[in-house]
Amino acid sequence: MVERSGAVVHLKQPFNATRINAANIETRVRELNKMADNTEKAKQGFWEEFEMLQQQECKLLYPRKEGQRLENKCKNRYKNILPFDTTRVTLRDTDESIPGSDYINANYIK
């Protein structure tokens, strides 16, 4: 994969599910549309593929294990948006005997 800047990015794992030829775009769109079984889930196929790509990308970049811990899951507004372990905000002056008491779904940013 090549970034817009021209830098080559070597993927650790190929995204085979989304690799298609330009000539096959219409076929792929039809396949993703067929995955939806009613109008309420009209974008289900697209959404599932987007979610899979997002999860794969984050797994390859930085770990997000603290946000996935059982005691911290209920503190996440969205189940797929988790703080990176390396830059997460850790709450101070908490009771260390309570698992997850130092957790908040937040990261420091520059």
PDB file of N, CA and C in Angstrom:
ATOM      1  N   MET A   1       0.852  -1.154   0.000  1.00  0.00           N
ATOM      2  CA  MET A   1       0.000   0.000   0.000  1.00  0.00           C
ATOM      3  C   MET A   1       0.907   1.228   0.000  1.00  0.00           C
ATOM      4  N   VAL A   2       0.478   2.277  -0.685  1.00  0.00           N
ATOM      5  CA  VAL A   2       1.268   3.499  -0.778  1.00  0.00           C
ATOM      6  C   VAL A   2       0.421   4.672  -0.294  1.00  0.00           C
ATOM      7  N   GLU A   3       0.990   5.471   0.613  1.00  0.00           N
ATOM      8  CA  GLU A   3       0.295   6.658   1.101  1.00  0.00           C
ATOM      9  C   GLU A   3       0.333   7.751   0.043  1.00  0.00           C
ATOM     10  N   ARG A   4      -0.480   8.778   0.227  1.00  0.00           N
ATOM     11  CA  ARG A   4      -0.502   9.887  -0.721  1.00  0.00           C
ATOM     12  C   ARG A   4       0.850  10.582  -0.808  1.00  0.00           C
ATOM     13  N   SER A   5       1.583  10.566   0.300  1.00  0.00           N
ATOM     14  CA  SER A   5       2.901  11.200   0.312  1.00  0.00           C
ATOM     15  C   SER A   5       3.920  10.411  -0.496  1.00  0.00           C
ATOM     16  N   GLY A   6       3.574   9.186  -0.864  1.00  0.00           N
ATOM     17  CA  GLY A   6       4.482   8.336  -1.618  1.00  0.00           C
ATOM     18  C   GLY A   6       5.188   7.307  -0.756  1.00  0.00           C
ATOM     19  N   ALA A   7       5.008   7.384   0.567  1.00  0.00           N
ATOM     20  CA  ALA A   7       5.636   6.426   1.478  1.00  0.00           C
ATOM     21  C   ALA A   7       4.958   5.065   1.342  1.00  0.00           C
ATOM     22  N   VAL A   8       5.768   4.027   1.291  1.00  0.00           N
ATOM     23  CA  VAL A   8       5.248   2.668   1.182  1.00  0.00           C
ATOM     24  C   VAL A   8       4.938   2.148   2.576  1.00  0.00           C
ATOM     25  N   VAL A   9       3.740   1.617   2.750  1.00  0.00           N
ATOM     26  CA  VAL A   9       3.313   1.037   4.018  1.00  0.00           C
ATOM     27  C   VAL A   9       3.218  -0.463   3.817  1.00  0.00           C
ATOM     28  N   HIS A  10       4.007  -1.220   4.569  1.00  0.00           N
ATOM     29  CA  HIS A  10       3.992  -2.676   4.464  1.00  0.00           C
ATOM     30  C   HIS A  10       2.973  -3.226   5.449  1.00  0.00           C
ATOM     31  N   LEU A  11       1.964  -3.890   4.934  1.00  0.00           N
ATOM     32  CA  LEU A  11       0.926  -4.459   5.773  1.00  0.00           C
ATOM     33  C   LEU A  11       1.390  -5.783   6.357  1.00  0.00           C
ATOM     34  N   LYS A  12       1.103  -5.992   7.632  1.00  0.00           N
ATOM     35  CA  LYS A  12       1.432  -7.265   8.264  1.00  0.00           C
ATOM     36  C   LYS A  12       0.455  -8.347   7.820  1.00  0.00           C
ATOM     37  N   GLN A  13      -0.754  -7.933   7.469  1.00  0.00           N
ATOM     38  CA  GLN A  13      -1.787  -8.877   7.073  1.00  0.00           C
ATOM     39  C   GLN A  13      -2.587  -8.243   5.940  1.00  0.00           C
ATOM     40  N   PRO A  14      -2.745  -8.923   4.814  1.00  0.00           N
ATOM     41  CA  PRO A  14      -3.494  -8.328   3.702  1.00  0.00           C
ATOM     42  C   PRO A  14      -4.985  -8.266   4.007  1.00  0.00           C
ATOM     43  N   PHE A  15      -5.639  -7.289   3.439  1.00  0.00           N
ATOM     44  CA  PHE A  15      -7.081  -7.158   3.573  1.00  0.00           C
ATOM     45  C   PHE A  15      -7.732  -7.800   2.354  1.00  0.00           C
ATOM     46  N   ASN A  16      -7.717  -9.121   2.312  1.00  0.00           N
ATOM     47  CA  ASN A  16      -8.202  -9.851   1.144  1.00  0.00           C
ATOM     48  C   ASN A  16      -9.678  -9.628   0.868  1.00  0.00           C
ATOM     49  N   ALA A  17     -10.469  -9.447   1.902  1.00  0.00           N
ATOM     50  CA  ALA A  17     -11.910  -9.316   1.721  1.00  0.00           C
ATOM     51  C   ALA A  17     -12.282  -8.059   0.949  1.00  0.00           C
ATOM     52  N   THR A  18     -11.421  -7.072   0.944  1.00  0.00           N
ATOM     53  CA  THR A  18     -11.771  -5.821   0.282  1.00  0.00           C
ATOM     54  C   THR A  18     -10.964  -5.590  -0.983  1.00  0.00           C
ATOM     55  N   ARG A  19     -10.141  -6.539  -1.347  1.00  0.00           N
ATOM     56  CA  ARG A  19      -9.360  -6.378  -2.566  1.00  0.00           C
ATOM     57  C   ARG A  19     -10.203  -6.821  -3.756  1.00  0.00           C
ATOM     58  N   ILE A  20     -10.523  -5.868  -4.605  1.00  0.00           N
ATOM     59  CA  ILE A  20     -11.319  -6.166  -5.789  1.00  0.00           C
ATOM     60  C   ILE A  20     -10.765  -5.371  -6.959  1.00  0.00           C
ATOM     61  N   ASN A  21     -11.001  -5.872  -8.152  1.00  0.00           N
ATOM     62  CA  ASN A  21     -10.623  -5.132  -9.353  1.00  0.00           C
ATOM     63  C   ASN A  21     -11.656  -4.043  -9.603  1.00  0.00           C
ATOM     64  N   ALA A  22     -11.227  -2.955 -10.207  1.00  0.00           N
ATOM     65  CA  ALA A  22     -12.137  -1.845 -10.490  1.00  0.00           C
ATOM     66  C   ALA A  22     -13.328  -2.307 -11.324  1.00  0.00           C
ATOM     67  N   ALA A  23     -13.100  -3.246 -12.213  1.00  0.00           N
ATOM     68  CA  ALA A  23     -14.184  -3.742 -13.064  1.00  0.00           C
ATOM     69  C   ALA A  23     -15.243  -4.500 -12.264  1.00  0.00           C
ATOM     70  N   ASN A  24     -14.899  -4.953 -11.054  1.00  0.00           N
ATOM     71  CA  ASN A  24     -15.819  -5.751 -10.238  1.00  0.00           C
ATOM     72  C   ASN A  24     -16.503  -4.954  -9.133  1.00  0.00           C
ATOM     73  N   ILE A  25     -16.397  -3.642  -9.155  1.00  0.00           N
ATOM     74  CA  ILE A  25     -16.974  -2.829  -8.082  1.00  0.00           C
ATOM     75  C   ILE A  25     -18.486  -3.022  -8.001  1.00  0.00           C
ATOM     76  N   GLU A  26     -19.160  -2.991  -9.135  1.00  0.00           N
ATOM     77  CA  GLU A  26     -20.618  -3.154  -9.125  1.00  0.00           C
ATOM     78  C   GLU A  26     -21.024  -4.498  -8.528  1.00  0.00           C
ATOM     79  N   THR A  27     -20.282  -5.554  -8.848  1.00  0.00           N
ATOM     80  CA  THR A  27     -20.570  -6.876  -8.302  1.00  0.00           C
ATOM     81  C   THR A  27     -20.388  -6.889  -6.793  1.00  0.00           C
ATOM     82  N   ARG A  28     -19.316  -6.256  -6.311  1.00  0.00           N
ATOM     83  CA  ARG A  28     -19.057  -6.218  -4.865  1.00  0.00           C
ATOM     84  C   ARG A  28     -20.143  -5.432  -4.137  1.00  0.00           C
ATOM     85  N   VAL A  29     -20.592  -4.340  -4.708  1.00  0.00           N
ATOM     86  CA  VAL A  29     -21.668  -3.549  -4.095  1.00  0.00           C
ATOM     87  C   VAL A  29     -22.942  -4.386  -4.007  1.00  0.00           C
ATOM     88  N   ARG A  30     -23.258  -5.131  -5.051  1.00  0.00           N
ATOM     89  CA  ARG A  30     -24.439  -6.012  -5.019  1.00  0.00           C
ATOM     90  C   ARG A  30     -24.292  -7.072  -3.929  1.00  0.00           C
ATOM     91  N   GLU A  31     -23.094  -7.654  -3.782  1.00  0.00           N
ATOM     92  CA  GLU A  31     -22.858  -8.667  -2.743  1.00  0.00           C
ATOM     93  C   GLU A  31     -23.080  -8.084  -1.356  1.00  0.00           C
ATOM     94  N   LEU A  32     -22.540  -6.903  -1.119  1.00  0.00           N
ATOM     95  CA  LEU A  32     -22.702  -6.278   0.190  1.00  0.00           C
ATOM     96  C   LEU A  32     -24.158  -5.904   0.449  1.00  0.00           C
ATOM     97  N   ASN A  33     -24.872  -5.505  -0.580  1.00  0.00           N
ATOM     98  CA  ASN A  33     -26.293  -5.192  -0.424  1.00  0.00           C
ATOM     99  C   ASN A  33     -27.117  -6.439  -0.133  1.00  0.00           C
ATOM    100  N   LYS A  34     -26.739  -7.581  -0.691  1.00  0.00           N
ATOM    101  CA  LYS A  34     -27.471  -8.831  -0.463  1.00  0.00           C
ATOM    102  C   LYS A  34     -27.351  -9.308   0.979  1.00  0.00           C
ATOM    103  N   MET A  35     -26.297  -8.899   1.674  1.00  0.00           N
ATOM    104  CA  MET A  35     -26.109  -9.327   3.059  1.00  0.00           C
ATOM    105  C   MET A  35     -27.210  -8.791   3.964  1.00  0.00           C
ATOM    106  N   ALA A  36     -27.865  -7.717   3.562  1.00  0.00           N
ATOM    107  CA  ALA A  36     -28.957  -7.150   4.350  1.00  0.00           C
ATOM    108  C   ALA A  36     -30.240  -7.914   4.034  1.00  0.00           C
ATOM    109  N   ASP A  37     -30.953  -8.344   5.084  1.00  0.00           N
ATOM    110  CA  ASP A  37     -32.160  -9.127   4.861  1.00  0.00           C
ATOM    111  C   ASP A  37     -33.439  -8.297   4.955  1.00  0.00           C
ATOM    112  N   ASN A  38     -33.327  -7.027   5.332  1.00  0.00           N
ATOM    113  CA  ASN A  38     -34.495  -6.144   5.316  1.00  0.00           C
ATOM    114  C   ASN A  38     -34.031  -4.696   5.217  1.00  0.00           C
ATOM    115  N   THR A  39     -34.973  -3.786   5.063  1.00  0.00           N
ATOM    116  CA  THR A  39     -34.607  -2.385   4.841  1.00  0.00           C
ATOM    117  C   THR A  39     -33.970  -1.735   6.059  1.00  0.00           C
ATOM    118  N   GLU A  40     -34.252  -2.231   7.260  1.00  0.00           N
ATOM    119  CA  GLU A  40     -33.649  -1.664   8.469  1.00  0.00           C
ATOM    120  C   GLU A  40     -32.140  -1.874   8.484  1.00  0.00           C
ATOM    121  N   LYS A  41     -31.697  -2.931   7.840  1.00  0.00           N
ATOM    122  CA  LYS A  41     -30.272  -3.252   7.810  1.00  0.00           C
ATOM    123  C   LYS A  41     -29.712  -3.067   6.403  1.00  0.00           C
ATOM    124  N   ALA A  42     -30.166  -2.048   5.716  1.00  0.00           N
ATOM    125  CA  ALA A  42     -29.796  -1.857   4.312  1.00  0.00           C
ATOM    126  C   ALA A  42     -28.297  -1.696   4.101  1.00  0.00           C
ATOM    127  N   LYS A  43     -27.591  -1.216   5.088  1.00  0.00           N
ATOM    128  CA  LYS A  43     -26.150  -1.014   4.936  1.00  0.00           C
ATOM    129  C   LYS A  43     -25.348  -2.006   5.774  1.00  0.00           C
ATOM    130  N   GLN A  44     -25.970  -3.067   6.188  1.00  0.00           N
ATOM    131  CA  GLN A  44     -25.330  -4.038   7.070  1.00  0.00           C
ATOM    132  C   GLN A  44     -24.042  -4.596   6.480  1.00  0.00           C
ATOM    133  N   GLY A  45     -24.053  -4.989   5.224  1.00  0.00           N
ATOM    134  CA  GLY A  45     -22.853  -5.551   4.606  1.00  0.00           C
ATOM    135  C   GLY A  45     -21.714  -4.556   4.577  1.00  0.00           C
ATOM    136  N   PHE A  46     -22.025  -3.322   4.213  1.00  0.00           N
ATOM    137  CA  PHE A  46     -21.005  -2.270   4.195  1.00  0.00           C
ATOM    138  C   PHE A  46     -20.506  -1.986   5.606  1.00  0.00           C
ATOM    139  N   TRP A  47     -21.437  -1.916   6.564  1.00  0.00           N
ATOM    140  CA  TRP A  47     -21.080  -1.610   7.950  1.00  0.00           C
ATOM    141  C   TRP A  47     -20.169  -2.692   8.527  1.00  0.00           C
ATOM    142  N   GLU A  48     -20.513  -3.948   8.291  1.00  0.00           N
ATOM    143  CA  GLU A  48     -19.700  -5.046   8.817  1.00  0.00           C
ATOM    144  C   GLU A  48     -18.290  -5.013   8.237  1.00  0.00           C
ATOM    145  N   GLU A  49     -18.183  -4.731   6.955  1.00  0.00           N
ATOM    146  CA  GLU A  49     -16.859  -4.667   6.342  1.00  0.00           C
ATOM    147  C   GLU A  49     -16.062  -3.486   6.897  1.00  0.00           C
ATOM    148  N   PHE A  50     -16.723  -2.354   7.088  1.00  0.00           N
ATOM    149  CA  PHE A  50     -16.068  -1.179   7.669  1.00  0.00           C
ATOM    150  C   PHE A  50     -15.569  -1.489   9.077  1.00  0.00           C
ATOM    151  N   GLU A  51     -16.413  -2.108   9.888  1.00  0.00           N
ATOM    152  CA  GLU A  51     -16.033  -2.461  11.255  1.00  0.00           C
ATOM    153  C   GLU A  51     -14.832  -3.405  11.262  1.00  0.00           C
ATOM    154  N   MET A  52     -14.849  -4.403  10.382  1.00  0.00           N
ATOM    155  CA  MET A  52     -13.753  -5.366  10.318  1.00  0.00           C
ATOM    156  C   MET A  52     -12.441  -4.665   9.961  1.00  0.00           C
ATOM    157  N   LEU A  53     -12.501  -3.762   8.995  1.00  0.00           N
ATOM    158  CA  LEU A  53     -11.293  -3.029   8.601  1.00  0.00           C
ATOM    159  C   LEU A  53     -10.783  -2.150   9.732  1.00  0.00           C
ATOM    160  N   GLN A  54     -11.699  -1.482  10.416  1.00  0.00           N
ATOM    161  CA  GLN A  54     -11.293  -0.614  11.521  1.00  0.00           C
ATOM    162  C   GLN A  54     -10.627  -1.424  12.632  1.00  0.00           C
ATOM    163  N   GLN A  55     -11.200  -2.562  12.969  1.00  0.00           N
ATOM    164  CA  GLN A  55     -10.632  -3.400  14.019  1.00  0.00           C
ATOM    165  C   GLN A  55      -9.276  -3.949  13.611  1.00  0.00           C
ATOM    166  N   GLN A  56      -9.128  -4.377  12.377  1.00  0.00           N
ATOM    167  CA  GLN A  56      -7.852  -4.901  11.909  1.00  0.00           C
ATOM    168  C   GLN A  56      -6.778  -3.829  11.942  1.00  0.00           C
ATOM    169  N   GLU A  57      -7.133  -2.616  11.509  1.00  0.00           N
ATOM    170  CA  GLU A  57      -6.164  -1.524  11.483  1.00  0.00           C
ATOM    171  C   GLU A  57      -5.667  -1.214  12.888  1.00  0.00           C
ATOM    172  N   CYS A  58      -6.567  -1.121  13.842  1.00  0.00           N
ATOM    173  CA  CYS A  58      -6.173  -0.786  15.209  1.00  0.00           C
ATOM    174  C   CYS A  58      -5.363  -1.899  15.856  1.00  0.00           C
ATOM    175  N   LYS A  59      -5.692  -3.146  15.552  1.00  0.00           N
ATOM    176  CA  LYS A  59      -4.938  -4.268  16.112  1.00  0.00           C
ATOM    177  C   LYS A  59      -3.486  -4.229  15.654  1.00  0.00           C
ATOM    178  N   LEU A  60      -3.267  -3.760  14.446  1.00  0.00           N
ATOM    179  CA  LEU A  60      -1.915  -3.723  13.907  1.00  0.00           C
ATOM    180  C   LEU A  60      -1.122  -2.533  14.424  1.00  0.00           C
ATOM    181  N   LEU A  61      -1.789  -1.488  14.852  1.00  0.00           N
ATOM    182  CA  LEU A  61      -1.091  -0.276  15.269  1.00  0.00           C
ATOM    183  C   LEU A  61      -0.732  -0.283  16.752  1.00  0.00           C
ATOM    184  N   TYR A  62      -1.738  -0.217  17.605  1.00  0.00           N
ATOM    185  CA  TYR A  62      -1.505  -0.080  19.042  1.00  0.00           C
ATOM    186  C   TYR A  62      -2.491  -0.957  19.812  1.00  0.00           C
ATOM    187  N   PRO A  63      -2.050  -1.516  20.941  1.00  0.00           N
ATOM    188  CA  PRO A  63      -2.974  -2.338  21.734  1.00  0.00           C
ATOM    189  C   PRO A  63      -4.007  -1.474  22.452  1.00  0.00           C
ATOM    190  N   ARG A  64      -5.207  -2.044  22.639  1.00  0.00           N
ATOM    191  CA  ARG A  64      -6.294  -1.371  23.351  1.00  0.00           C
ATOM    192  C   ARG A  64      -6.895  -2.334  24.373  1.00  0.00           C
ATOM    193  N   LYS A  65      -6.028  -3.043  25.097  1.00  0.00           N
ATOM    194  CA  LYS A  65      -6.468  -4.102  26.004  1.00  0.00           C
ATOM    195  C   LYS A  65      -7.230  -3.588  27.222  1.00  0.00           C
ATOM    196  N   GLU A  66      -6.833  -2.436  27.771  1.00  0.00           N
ATOM    197  CA  GLU A  66      -7.500  -1.921  28.972  1.00  0.00           C
ATOM    198  C   GLU A  66      -8.976  -1.646  28.714  1.00  0.00           C
ATOM    199  N   GLY A  67      -9.289  -1.107  27.563  1.00  0.00           N
ATOM    200  CA  GLY A  67     -10.680  -0.818  27.225  1.00  0.00           C
ATOM    201  C   GLY A  67     -11.511  -2.061  26.981  1.00  0.00           C
ATOM    202  N   GLN A  68     -10.847  -3.189  26.717  1.00  0.00           N
ATOM    203  CA  GLN A  68     -11.544  -4.444  26.449  1.00  0.00           C
ATOM    204  C   GLN A  68     -11.732  -5.285  27.705  1.00  0.00           C
ATOM    205  N   ARG A  69     -11.127  -4.866  28.814  1.00  0.00           N
ATOM    206  CA  ARG A  69     -11.276  -5.628  30.056  1.00  0.00           C
ATOM    207  C   ARG A  69     -12.728  -5.587  30.516  1.00  0.00           C
ATOM    208  N   LEU A  70     -13.191  -6.674  31.101  1.00  0.00           N
ATOM    209  CA  LEU A  70     -14.590  -6.816  31.500  1.00  0.00           C
ATOM    210  C   LEU A  70     -15.056  -5.672  32.397  1.00  0.00           C
ATOM    211  N   GLU A  71     -14.228  -5.294  33.359  1.00  0.00           N
ATOM    212  CA  GLU A  71     -14.635  -4.245  34.301  1.00  0.00           C
ATOM    213  C   GLU A  71     -14.650  -2.852  33.672  1.00  0.00           C
ATOM    214  N   ASN A  72     -14.061  -2.705  32.494  1.00  0.00           N
ATOM    215  CA  ASN A  72     -14.017  -1.394  31.840  1.00  0.00           C
ATOM    216  C   ASN A  72     -14.993  -1.259  30.670  1.00  0.00           C
ATOM    217  N   LYS A  73     -15.502  -2.367  30.172  1.00  0.00           N
ATOM    218  CA  LYS A  73     -16.378  -2.320  28.995  1.00  0.00           C
ATOM    219  C   LYS A  73     -17.592  -1.422  29.203  1.00  0.00           C
ATOM    220  N   CYS A  74     -18.172  -1.458  30.383  1.00  0.00           N
ATOM    221  CA  CYS A  74     -19.381  -0.660  30.632  1.00  0.00           C
ATOM    222  C   CYS A  74     -19.082   0.838  30.681  1.00  0.00           C
ATOM    223  N   LYS A  75     -17.820   1.220  30.752  1.00  0.00           N
ATOM    224  CA  LYS A  75     -17.433   2.630  30.810  1.00  0.00           C
ATOM    225  C   LYS A  75     -17.203   3.220  29.422  1.00  0.00           C
ATOM    226  N   ASN A  76     -17.283   2.394  28.399  1.00  0.00           N
ATOM    227  CA  ASN A  76     -17.095   2.851  27.022  1.00  0.00           C
ATOM    228  C   ASN A  76     -18.437   3.237  26.428  1.00  0.00           C
ATOM    229  N   ARG A  77     -18.536   4.450  25.920  1.00  0.00           N
ATOM    230  CA  ARG A  77     -19.790   4.891  25.296  1.00  0.00           C
ATOM    231  C   ARG A  77     -20.102   4.030  24.074  1.00  0.00           C
ATOM    232  N   TYR A  78     -19.085   3.765  23.261  1.00  0.00           N
ATOM    233  CA  TYR A  78     -19.246   2.937  22.071  1.00  0.00           C
ATOM    234  C   TYR A  78     -18.309   1.743  22.196  1.00  0.00           C
ATOM    235  N   LYS A  79     -18.795   0.554  21.872  1.00  0.00           N
ATOM    236  CA  LYS A  79     -17.987  -0.648  22.067  1.00  0.00           C
ATOM    237  C   LYS A  79     -16.797  -0.739  21.125  1.00  0.00           C
ATOM    238  N   ASN A  80     -16.816   0.013  20.018  1.00  0.00           N
ATOM    239  CA  ASN A  80     -15.720  -0.077  19.057  1.00  0.00           C
ATOM    240  C   ASN A  80     -14.749   1.097  19.131  1.00  0.00           C
ATOM    241  N   ILE A  81     -14.952   2.016  20.063  1.00  0.00           N
ATOM    242  CA  ILE A  81     -14.041   3.151  20.224  1.00  0.00           C
ATOM    243  C   ILE A  81     -13.376   3.016  21.587  1.00  0.00           C
ATOM    244  N   LEU A  82     -12.107   2.601  21.562  1.00  0.00           N
ATOM    245  CA  LEU A  82     -11.371   2.326  22.795  1.00  0.00           C
ATOM    246  C   LEU A  82     -10.084   3.136  22.822  1.00  0.00           C
ATOM    247  N   PRO A  83      -9.607   3.486  24.024  1.00  0.00           N
ATOM    248  CA  PRO A  83      -8.346   4.230  24.107  1.00  0.00           C
ATOM    249  C   PRO A  83      -7.154   3.309  23.867  1.00  0.00           C
ATOM    250  N   PHE A  84      -6.115   3.868  23.282  1.00  0.00           N
ATOM    251  CA  PHE A  84      -4.871   3.122  23.115  1.00  0.00           C
ATOM    252  C   PHE A  84      -4.181   3.020  24.470  1.00  0.00           C
ATOM    253  N   ASP A  85      -3.660   1.845  24.797  1.00  0.00           N
ATOM    254  CA  ASP A  85      -3.024   1.627  26.096  1.00  0.00           C
ATOM    255  C   ASP A  85      -1.827   2.543  26.323  1.00  0.00           C
ATOM    256  N   THR A  86      -1.094   2.843  25.274  1.00  0.00           N
ATOM    257  CA  THR A  86       0.143   3.618  25.430  1.00  0.00           C
ATOM    258  C   THR A  86      -0.100   5.084  25.748  1.00  0.00           C
ATOM    259  N   THR A  87      -1.250   5.629  25.361  1.00  0.00           N
ATOM    260  CA  THR A  87      -1.503   7.058  25.579  1.00  0.00           C
ATOM    261  C   THR A  87      -2.800   7.318  26.340  1.00  0.00           C
ATOM    262  N   ARG A  88      -3.345   6.306  26.993  1.00  0.00           N
ATOM    263  CA  ARG A  88      -4.621   6.506  27.682  1.00  0.00           C
ATOM    264  C   ARG A  88      -4.444   7.331  28.949  1.00  0.00           C
ATOM    265  N   VAL A  89      -5.499   8.039  29.304  1.00  0.00           N
ATOM    266  CA  VAL A  89      -5.517   8.815  30.543  1.00  0.00           C
ATOM    267  C   VAL A  89      -5.772   7.844  31.686  1.00  0.00           C
ATOM    268  N   THR A  90      -4.933   7.874  32.705  1.00  0.00           N
ATOM    269  CA  THR A  90      -5.100   7.027  33.880  1.00  0.00           C
ATOM    270  C   THR A  90      -5.559   7.901  35.039  1.00  0.00           C
ATOM    271  N   LEU A  91      -6.681   7.547  35.647  1.00  0.00           N
ATOM    272  CA  LEU A  91      -7.200   8.329  36.764  1.00  0.00           C
ATOM    273  C   LEU A  91      -6.304   8.160  37.985  1.00  0.00           C
ATOM    274  N   ARG A  92      -6.115   9.244  38.712  1.00  0.00           N
ATOM    275  CA  ARG A  92      -5.273   9.227  39.916  1.00  0.00           C
ATOM    276  C   ARG A  92      -6.137   9.131  41.169  1.00  0.00           C
ATOM    277  N   ASP A  93      -5.486   8.845  42.273  1.00  0.00           N
ATOM    278  CA  ASP A  93      -6.143   8.783  43.586  1.00  0.00           C
ATOM    279  C   ASP A  93      -7.369   7.869  43.571  1.00  0.00           C
ATOM    280  N   THR A  94      -7.191   6.679  43.026  1.00  0.00           N
ATOM    281  CA  THR A  94      -8.278   5.701  42.990  1.00  0.00           C
ATOM    282  C   THR A  94      -7.942   4.537  43.904  1.00  0.00           C
ATOM    283  N   ASP A  95      -8.935   3.759  44.232  1.00  0.00           N
ATOM    284  CA  ASP A  95      -8.756   2.592  45.086  1.00  0.00           C
ATOM    285  C   ASP A  95      -8.197   1.449  44.239  1.00  0.00           C
ATOM    286  N   GLU A  96      -6.938   1.106  44.449  1.00  0.00           N
ATOM    287  CA  GLU A  96      -6.284   0.066  43.652  1.00  0.00           C
ATOM    288  C   GLU A  96      -6.883  -1.317  43.865  1.00  0.00           C
ATOM    289  N   SER A  97      -7.631  -1.496  44.951  1.00  0.00           N
ATOM    290  CA  SER A  97      -8.249  -2.802  45.195  1.00  0.00           C
ATOM    291  C   SER A  97      -9.483  -3.020  44.313  1.00  0.00           C
ATOM    292  N   ILE A  98      -9.962  -1.962  43.679  1.00  0.00           N
ATOM    293  CA  ILE A  98     -11.110  -2.069  42.776  1.00  0.00           C
ATOM    294  C   ILE A  98     -10.593  -2.147  41.341  1.00  0.00           C
ATOM    295  N   PRO A  99     -10.769  -3.291  40.688  1.00  0.00           N
ATOM    296  CA  PRO A  99     -10.276  -3.430  39.312  1.00  0.00           C
ATOM    297  C   PRO A  99     -10.916  -2.404  38.379  1.00  0.00           C
ATOM    298  N   GLY A 100     -10.089  -1.760  37.591  1.00  0.00           N
ATOM    299  CA  GLY A 100     -10.581  -0.801  36.615  1.00  0.00           C
ATOM    300  C   GLY A 100     -10.910   0.570  37.163  1.00  0.00           C
ATOM    301  N   SER A 101     -10.598   0.822  38.429  1.00  0.00           N
ATOM    302  CA  SER A 101     -10.955   2.119  39.014  1.00  0.00           C
ATOM    303  C   SER A 101     -10.143   3.265  38.424  1.00  0.00           C
ATOM    304  N   ASP A 102      -9.024   2.962  37.782  1.00  0.00           N
ATOM    305  CA  ASP A 102      -8.199   4.012  37.172  1.00  0.00           C
ATOM    306  C   ASP A 102      -8.534   4.225  35.696  1.00  0.00           C
ATOM    307  N   TYR A 103      -9.602   3.578  35.207  1.00  0.00           N
ATOM    308  CA  TYR A 103      -9.912   3.605  33.775  1.00  0.00           C
ATOM    309  C   TYR A 103     -10.926   4.677  33.413  1.00  0.00           C
ATOM    310  N   ILE A 104     -10.636   5.368  32.337  1.00  0.00           N
ATOM    311  CA  ILE A 104     -11.576   6.266  31.673  1.00  0.00           C
ATOM    312  C   ILE A 104     -11.274   6.141  30.184  1.00  0.00           C
ATOM    313  N   ASN A 105     -12.299   6.201  29.363  1.00  0.00           N
ATOM    314  CA  ASN A 105     -12.099   6.055  27.920  1.00  0.00           C
ATOM    315  C   ASN A 105     -11.624   7.389  27.359  1.00  0.00           C
ATOM    316  N   ALA A 106     -10.326   7.624  27.474  1.00  0.00           N
ATOM    317  CA  ALA A 106      -9.737   8.880  26.998  1.00  0.00           C
ATOM    318  C   ALA A 106      -8.265   8.673  26.700  1.00  0.00           C
ATOM    319  N   ASN A 107      -7.761   9.441  25.742  1.00  0.00           N
ATOM    320  CA  ASN A 107      -6.345   9.434  25.389  1.00  0.00           C
ATOM    321  C   ASN A 107      -5.801  10.844  25.439  1.00  0.00           C
ATOM    322  N   TYR A 108      -4.529  10.963  25.795  1.00  0.00           N
ATOM    323  CA  TYR A 108      -3.842  12.243  25.660  1.00  0.00           C
ATOM    324  C   TYR A 108      -3.582  12.468  24.179  1.00  0.00           C
ATOM    325  N   ILE A 109      -3.713  13.715  23.748  1.00  0.00           N
ATOM    326  CA  ILE A 109      -3.428  14.050  22.359  1.00  0.00           C
ATOM    327  C   ILE A 109      -2.474  15.224  22.315  1.00  0.00           C
ATOM    328  N   LYS A 110      -1.801  15.379  21.196  1.00  0.00           N
ATOM    329  CA  LYS A 110      -0.872  16.503  21.039  1.00  0.00           C
ATOM    330  C   LYS A 110      -1.540  17.624  20.297  1.00  0.00           C
TER     331      LYS A 110
END
